Structure formats: C-alpha cells, structure tokens
C-alpha cells in the first residue's frame, strides 16, 4: 500500500488520536522521518517556501511548478490554522519527540500516543508562516489569504501578551 492509498487510514488514525481533546490536527508535515509534527520547523519551512513563491514566482511558474508549491504551502498552513484553535491557543507539537524519535515506523502503522503540546497566554508563539503565506495566496485566493492574515494577527497578539508578561 502506498502513502496516497493509505491517506484515508492515516486521517482516521489522527482523528481517533485527537478525539479526546476535540482538536483536528490532521495534515501538516512529519519531522525527521518519524511521527512527530513540530509546528516551529514546519512554520520555518512554510515561510521559506512562501518567500520563494513570492520572490521567484515567474521562474517557478515558467517551470510549471507554482501550483505544486502553493499546494505544499497550503498543506502546511491548513494544519497551522487547525492548530490555532482560539486567539490564545496554538498547538505546536503532535507526538512525543523523545519516544517518537526512538521509534521508526510508517505513519499508517503508527500506534504511539499522540501527545499534544501548545502555546497559550503563558508561553510565546510565531506568526511568520501564516503572514508570509497570506501574501502567496493574496491574488489567487483572497478569502484564504484573509483567513491566514487574521490568524497571523491573532498569534502575534498572543506573542505580545506573553512578551509583556515576561518584561
């Protein structure tokens, strides 16, 4: 079974693992060949992909790759949007980095606990991936771009609240 054929099963597994806290964290990218999803590296990668789409749009478009690039960005930002469950909460990690780094199995065979970590008004976050992706989609999907920008602003406000508490 290839990854595409097993995708519905993967999604069901993620849904089952998240149901106890009622947050849908399907999608996004796994990190380092294991079964952990880290929002920070995903956000960094998404920001770089977004800036490449902005700065090199003509070159990427001439190679007929802009649609694929936008799809990759959207796959990550859709996950980040789902992880931003309220103005003061952003889930930043799915899975336990220590135990999952010790386990090498296909995501479709994953049976490890999907421990969740989040930032809230007590700990900081980042909005660069959402803000830069909003620019990528501004001319091709303005509704999605507005949604990304709205969430980016909300996460930025959360960062400011936390920073003010720290200073």
C-alpha atoms as a PDB file:
ATOM      1  CA  UNK A   1       0.000   0.000   0.000  1.00  0.00           C
ATOM      2  CA  UNK A   2       1.425   3.384  -0.934  1.00  0.00           C
ATOM      3  CA  UNK A   3       1.058   6.606   1.050  1.00  0.00           C
ATOM      4  CA  UNK A   4      -1.714   8.006  -1.168  1.00  0.00           C
ATOM      5  CA  UNK A   5      -3.793   4.820  -0.856  1.00  0.00           C
ATOM      6  CA  UNK A   6      -3.326   4.806   2.912  1.00  0.00           C
ATOM      7  CA  UNK A   7      -4.082   8.519   3.401  1.00  0.00           C
ATOM      8  CA  UNK A   8      -7.727   7.994   4.479  1.00  0.00           C
ATOM      9  CA  UNK A   9      -6.497   5.489   7.072  1.00  0.00           C
ATOM     10  CA  UNK A  10      -3.865   7.958   8.270  1.00  0.00           C
ATOM     11  CA  UNK A  11      -6.502  10.645   8.622  1.00  0.00           C
ATOM     12  CA  UNK A  12      -8.784   8.326  10.561  1.00  0.00           C
ATOM     13  CA  UNK A  13      -5.892   7.430  12.885  1.00  0.00           C
ATOM     14  CA  UNK A  14      -5.132  11.094  13.561  1.00  0.00           C
ATOM     15  CA  UNK A  15      -8.828  11.766  14.131  1.00  0.00           C
ATOM     16  CA  UNK A  16      -9.075   8.895  16.615  1.00  0.00           C
ATOM     17  CA  UNK A  17      -5.991  10.056  18.488  1.00  0.00           C
ATOM     18  CA  UNK A  18      -7.222  13.652  18.746  1.00  0.00           C
ATOM     19  CA  UNK A  19     -10.854  12.966  19.599  1.00  0.00           C
ATOM     20  CA  UNK A  20     -10.398  13.044  23.383  1.00  0.00           C
ATOM     21  CA  UNK A  21      -9.466  16.728  23.307  1.00  0.00           C
ATOM     22  CA  UNK A  22     -11.562  17.598  20.255  1.00  0.00           C
ATOM     23  CA  UNK A  23      -8.936  19.217  18.060  1.00  0.00           C
ATOM     24  CA  UNK A  24      -8.391  18.189  14.441  1.00  0.00           C
ATOM     25  CA  UNK A  25      -4.654  18.139  13.739  1.00  0.00           C
ATOM     26  CA  UNK A  26      -4.792  16.178  10.517  1.00  0.00           C
ATOM     27  CA  UNK A  27      -2.295  17.205   7.860  1.00  0.00           C
ATOM     28  CA  UNK A  28       0.943  19.091   8.161  1.00  0.00           C
ATOM     29  CA  UNK A  29       4.349  17.542   7.776  1.00  0.00           C
ATOM     30  CA  UNK A  30       6.073  14.933   9.902  1.00  0.00           C
ATOM     31  CA  UNK A  31       9.563  15.793  11.094  1.00  0.00           C
ATOM     32  CA  UNK A  32      12.832  13.892  10.554  1.00  0.00           C
ATOM     33  CA  UNK A  33      11.329  10.683   9.187  1.00  0.00           C
ATOM     34  CA  UNK A  34       9.402   9.837  12.335  1.00  0.00           C
ATOM     35  CA  UNK A  35       5.873  10.529  13.527  1.00  0.00           C
ATOM     36  CA  UNK A  36       6.203  13.877  15.291  1.00  0.00           C
ATOM     37  CA  UNK A  37       4.757  17.082  13.904  1.00  0.00           C
ATOM     38  CA  UNK A  38       6.627  20.161  15.126  1.00  0.00           C
ATOM     39  CA  UNK A  39       4.986  23.473  14.233  1.00  0.00           C
ATOM     40  CA  UNK A  40       8.220  25.503  14.536  1.00  0.00           C
ATOM     41  CA  UNK A  41      10.235  23.663  11.837  1.00  0.00           C
ATOM     42  CA  UNK A  42       7.047  23.384   9.755  1.00  0.00           C
ATOM     43  CA  UNK A  43       6.494  27.138  10.102  1.00  0.00           C
ATOM     44  CA  UNK A  44      10.107  27.880   9.162  1.00  0.00           C
ATOM     45  CA  UNK A  45       9.845  25.668   6.078  1.00  0.00           C
ATOM     46  CA  UNK A  46       6.499  27.180   5.126  1.00  0.00           C
ATOM     47  CA  UNK A  47       7.881  30.699   5.499  1.00  0.00           C
ATOM     48  CA  UNK A  48      10.825  29.853   3.208  1.00  0.00           C
ATOM     49  CA  UNK A  49       8.520  28.220   0.647  1.00  0.00           C
ATOM     50  CA  UNK A  50       6.235  31.261   0.777  1.00  0.00           C
ATOM     51  CA  UNK A  51       9.072  33.719   0.231  1.00  0.00           C
ATOM     52  CA  UNK A  52      10.355  31.586  -2.652  1.00  0.00           C
ATOM     53  CA  UNK A  53       6.868  31.723  -4.202  1.00  0.00           C
ATOM     54  CA  UNK A  54       6.824  35.492  -3.794  1.00  0.00           C
ATOM     55  CA  UNK A  55      10.392  36.291  -4.880  1.00  0.00           C
ATOM     56  CA  UNK A  56      10.708  33.724  -7.679  1.00  0.00           C
ATOM     57  CA  UNK A  57       7.112  33.487  -8.879  1.00  0.00           C
ATOM     58  CA  UNK A  58       7.993  33.994 -12.550  1.00  0.00           C
ATOM     59  CA  UNK A  59      10.798  31.431 -12.532  1.00  0.00           C
ATOM     60  CA  UNK A  60       8.761  28.825 -10.657  1.00  0.00           C
ATOM     61  CA  UNK A  61       5.730  29.491 -12.836  1.00  0.00           C
ATOM     62  CA  UNK A  62       7.770  29.098 -16.038  1.00  0.00           C
ATOM     63  CA  UNK A  63       8.732  25.619 -14.842  1.00  0.00           C
ATOM     64  CA  UNK A  64       5.025  24.853 -14.244  1.00  0.00           C
ATOM     65  CA  UNK A  65       5.690  24.271 -10.530  1.00  0.00           C
ATOM     66  CA  UNK A  66       3.853  27.193  -8.899  1.00  0.00           C
ATOM     67  CA  UNK A  67       0.652  25.197  -8.364  1.00  0.00           C
ATOM     68  CA  UNK A  68       2.597  22.422  -6.653  1.00  0.00           C
ATOM     69  CA  UNK A  69       4.419  24.943  -4.477  1.00  0.00           C
ATOM     70  CA  UNK A  70       1.148  26.595  -3.464  1.00  0.00           C
ATOM     71  CA  UNK A  71      -0.326  23.164  -2.641  1.00  0.00           C
ATOM     72  CA  UNK A  72       2.618  22.376  -0.368  1.00  0.00           C
ATOM     73  CA  UNK A  73       2.304  25.734   1.375  1.00  0.00           C
ATOM     74  CA  UNK A  74      -1.446  25.261   1.789  1.00  0.00           C
ATOM     75  CA  UNK A  75      -0.992  21.738   3.221  1.00  0.00           C
ATOM     76  CA  UNK A  76       1.174  23.224   5.980  1.00  0.00           C
ATOM     77  CA  UNK A  77      -0.870  26.384   6.588  1.00  0.00           C
ATOM     78  CA  UNK A  78      -4.139  24.420   6.737  1.00  0.00           C
ATOM     79  CA  UNK A  79      -2.571  22.398   9.552  1.00  0.00           C
ATOM     80  CA  UNK A  80      -1.338  25.540  11.330  1.00  0.00           C
ATOM     81  CA  UNK A  81      -4.807  27.084  11.011  1.00  0.00           C
ATOM     82  CA  UNK A  82      -6.368  23.964  12.567  1.00  0.00           C
ATOM     83  CA  UNK A  83      -3.711  24.066  15.301  1.00  0.00           C
ATOM     84  CA  UNK A  84      -4.679  27.676  16.116  1.00  0.00           C
ATOM     85  CA  UNK A  85      -7.856  26.711  17.962  1.00  0.00           C
ATOM     86  CA  UNK A  86      -8.508  30.043  19.677  1.00  0.00           C
ATOM     87  CA  UNK A  87      -6.984  33.523  19.852  1.00  0.00           C
ATOM     88  CA  UNK A  88      -4.916  32.389  22.837  1.00  0.00           C
ATOM     89  CA  UNK A  89      -4.059  28.799  21.869  1.00  0.00           C
ATOM     90  CA  UNK A  90      -1.765  27.314  19.230  1.00  0.00           C
ATOM     91  CA  UNK A  91      -0.913  23.605  19.284  1.00  0.00           C
ATOM     92  CA  UNK A  92       2.787  23.363  18.470  1.00  0.00           C
ATOM     93  CA  UNK A  93       3.612  19.666  18.604  1.00  0.00           C
ATOM     94  CA  UNK A  94       1.857  16.362  17.941  1.00  0.00           C
ATOM     95  CA  UNK A  95       3.642  13.348  19.409  1.00  0.00           C
ATOM     96  CA  UNK A  96       6.424  12.989  21.911  1.00  0.00           C
ATOM     97  CA  UNK A  97       9.789  13.934  20.422  1.00  0.00           C
ATOM     98  CA  UNK A  98      11.736  11.591  22.681  1.00  0.00           C
ATOM     99  CA  UNK A  99       9.684   8.426  22.275  1.00  0.00           C
ATOM    100  CA  UNK A 100       8.831   9.022  18.609  1.00  0.00           C
ATOM    101  CA  UNK A 101      12.485   9.636  17.700  1.00  0.00           C
ATOM    102  CA  UNK A 102      13.196   6.185  19.128  1.00  0.00           C
ATOM    103  CA  UNK A 103      10.507   4.572  17.002  1.00  0.00           C
ATOM    104  CA  UNK A 104      10.752   4.199  13.264  1.00  0.00           C
ATOM    105  CA  UNK A 105       7.508   3.086  11.671  1.00  0.00           C
ATOM    106  CA  UNK A 106       5.306   4.148   8.823  1.00  0.00           C
ATOM    107  CA  UNK A 107       2.672   6.735   9.768  1.00  0.00           C
ATOM    108  CA  UNK A 108      -0.064   4.360   8.632  1.00  0.00           C
ATOM    109  CA  UNK A 109       1.188   1.810  11.230  1.00  0.00           C
ATOM    110  CA  UNK A 110       1.509   4.398  13.991  1.00  0.00           C
ATOM    111  CA  UNK A 111       0.134   3.235  17.326  1.00  0.00           C
ATOM    112  CA  UNK A 112       2.021   5.534  19.692  1.00  0.00           C
ATOM    113  CA  UNK A 113       0.246   8.131  21.846  1.00  0.00           C
ATOM    114  CA  UNK A 114      -0.235  11.452  20.091  1.00  0.00           C
ATOM    115  CA  UNK A 115       0.742  13.726  22.962  1.00  0.00           C
ATOM    116  CA  UNK A 116      -0.105  17.362  22.249  1.00  0.00           C
ATOM    117  CA  UNK A 117       1.805  20.463  23.264  1.00  0.00           C
ATOM    118  CA  UNK A 118       0.512  24.003  22.890  1.00  0.00           C
ATOM    119  CA  UNK A 119       1.314  27.614  23.491  1.00  0.00           C
ATOM    120  CA  UNK A 120      -1.185  29.869  25.160  1.00  0.00           C
ATOM    121  CA  UNK A 121      -1.197  33.139  27.039  1.00  0.00           C
ATOM    122  CA  UNK A 122       1.553  31.745  29.279  1.00  0.00           C
ATOM    123  CA  UNK A 123       4.053  30.858  26.529  1.00  0.00           C
ATOM    124  CA  UNK A 124       5.054  32.516  23.212  1.00  0.00           C
ATOM    125  CA  UNK A 125       4.435  31.671  19.551  1.00  0.00           C
ATOM    126  CA  UNK A 126       5.160  32.856  15.996  1.00  0.00           C
ATOM    127  CA  UNK A 127       3.061  34.014  13.046  1.00  0.00           C
ATOM    128  CA  UNK A 128       5.619  34.347  10.221  1.00  0.00           C
ATOM    129  CA  UNK A 129       4.450  31.281   8.275  1.00  0.00           C
ATOM    130  CA  UNK A 130       0.834  32.445   8.237  1.00  0.00           C
ATOM    131  CA  UNK A 131       1.699  36.039   7.356  1.00  0.00           C
ATOM    132  CA  UNK A 132       4.059  35.136   4.506  1.00  0.00           C
ATOM    133  CA  UNK A 133       1.642  32.531   3.115  1.00  0.00           C
ATOM    134  CA  UNK A 134      -1.110  35.188   3.142  1.00  0.00           C
ATOM    135  CA  UNK A 135       0.984  37.092   0.601  1.00  0.00           C
ATOM    136  CA  UNK A 136       1.349  33.974  -1.584  1.00  0.00           C
ATOM    137  CA  UNK A 137      -2.417  33.478  -1.792  1.00  0.00           C
ATOM    138  CA  UNK A 138      -3.436  37.164  -1.901  1.00  0.00           C
ATOM    139  CA  UNK A 139      -4.008  37.254  -5.674  1.00  0.00           C
ATOM    140  CA  UNK A 140      -5.124  33.641  -6.208  1.00  0.00           C
ATOM    141  CA  UNK A 141      -7.403  33.025  -3.199  1.00  0.00           C
ATOM    142  CA  UNK A 142      -8.167  36.240  -1.356  1.00  0.00           C
ATOM    143  CA  UNK A 143     -10.530  34.575   1.149  1.00  0.00           C
ATOM    144  CA  UNK A 144      -7.855  32.090   2.197  1.00  0.00           C
ATOM    145  CA  UNK A 145      -5.276  34.882   2.306  1.00  0.00           C
ATOM    146  CA  UNK A 146      -7.518  36.919   4.614  1.00  0.00           C
ATOM    147  CA  UNK A 147      -8.030  33.893   6.874  1.00  0.00           C
ATOM    148  CA  UNK A 148      -4.261  33.354   7.106  1.00  0.00           C
ATOM    149  CA  UNK A 149      -3.659  37.015   7.878  1.00  0.00           C
ATOM    150  CA  UNK A 150      -6.363  37.067  10.546  1.00  0.00           C
ATOM    151  CA  UNK A 151      -4.799  34.080  12.319  1.00  0.00           C
ATOM    152  CA  UNK A 152      -1.314  35.592  11.949  1.00  0.00           C
ATOM    153  CA  UNK A 153      -2.513  38.757  13.669  1.00  0.00           C
ATOM    154  CA  UNK A 154      -4.136  36.730  16.440  1.00  0.00           C
ATOM    155  CA  UNK A 155      -0.954  34.726  17.074  1.00  0.00           C
ATOM    156  CA  UNK A 156       1.049  37.980  17.023  1.00  0.00           C
ATOM    157  CA  UNK A 157      -1.223  39.458  19.671  1.00  0.00           C
ATOM    158  CA  UNK A 158      -0.703  36.301  21.731  1.00  0.00           C
ATOM    159  CA  UNK A 159       3.069  36.758  21.406  1.00  0.00           C
ATOM    160  CA  UNK A 160       2.779  40.386  22.516  1.00  0.00           C
ATOM    161  CA  UNK A 161       0.704  39.397  25.562  1.00  0.00           C
ATOM    162  CA  UNK A 162       3.261  36.801  26.587  1.00  0.00           C
ATOM    163  CA  UNK A 163       6.185  39.147  25.915  1.00  0.00           C
ATOM    164  CA  UNK A 164       4.597  41.893  28.017  1.00  0.00           C
ATOM    165  CA  UNK A 165       4.273  39.437  30.903  1.00  0.00           C
ATOM    166  CA  UNK A 166       7.942  38.458  30.557  1.00  0.00           C
ATOM    167  CA  UNK A 167       9.321  42.026  30.519  1.00  0.00           C
END
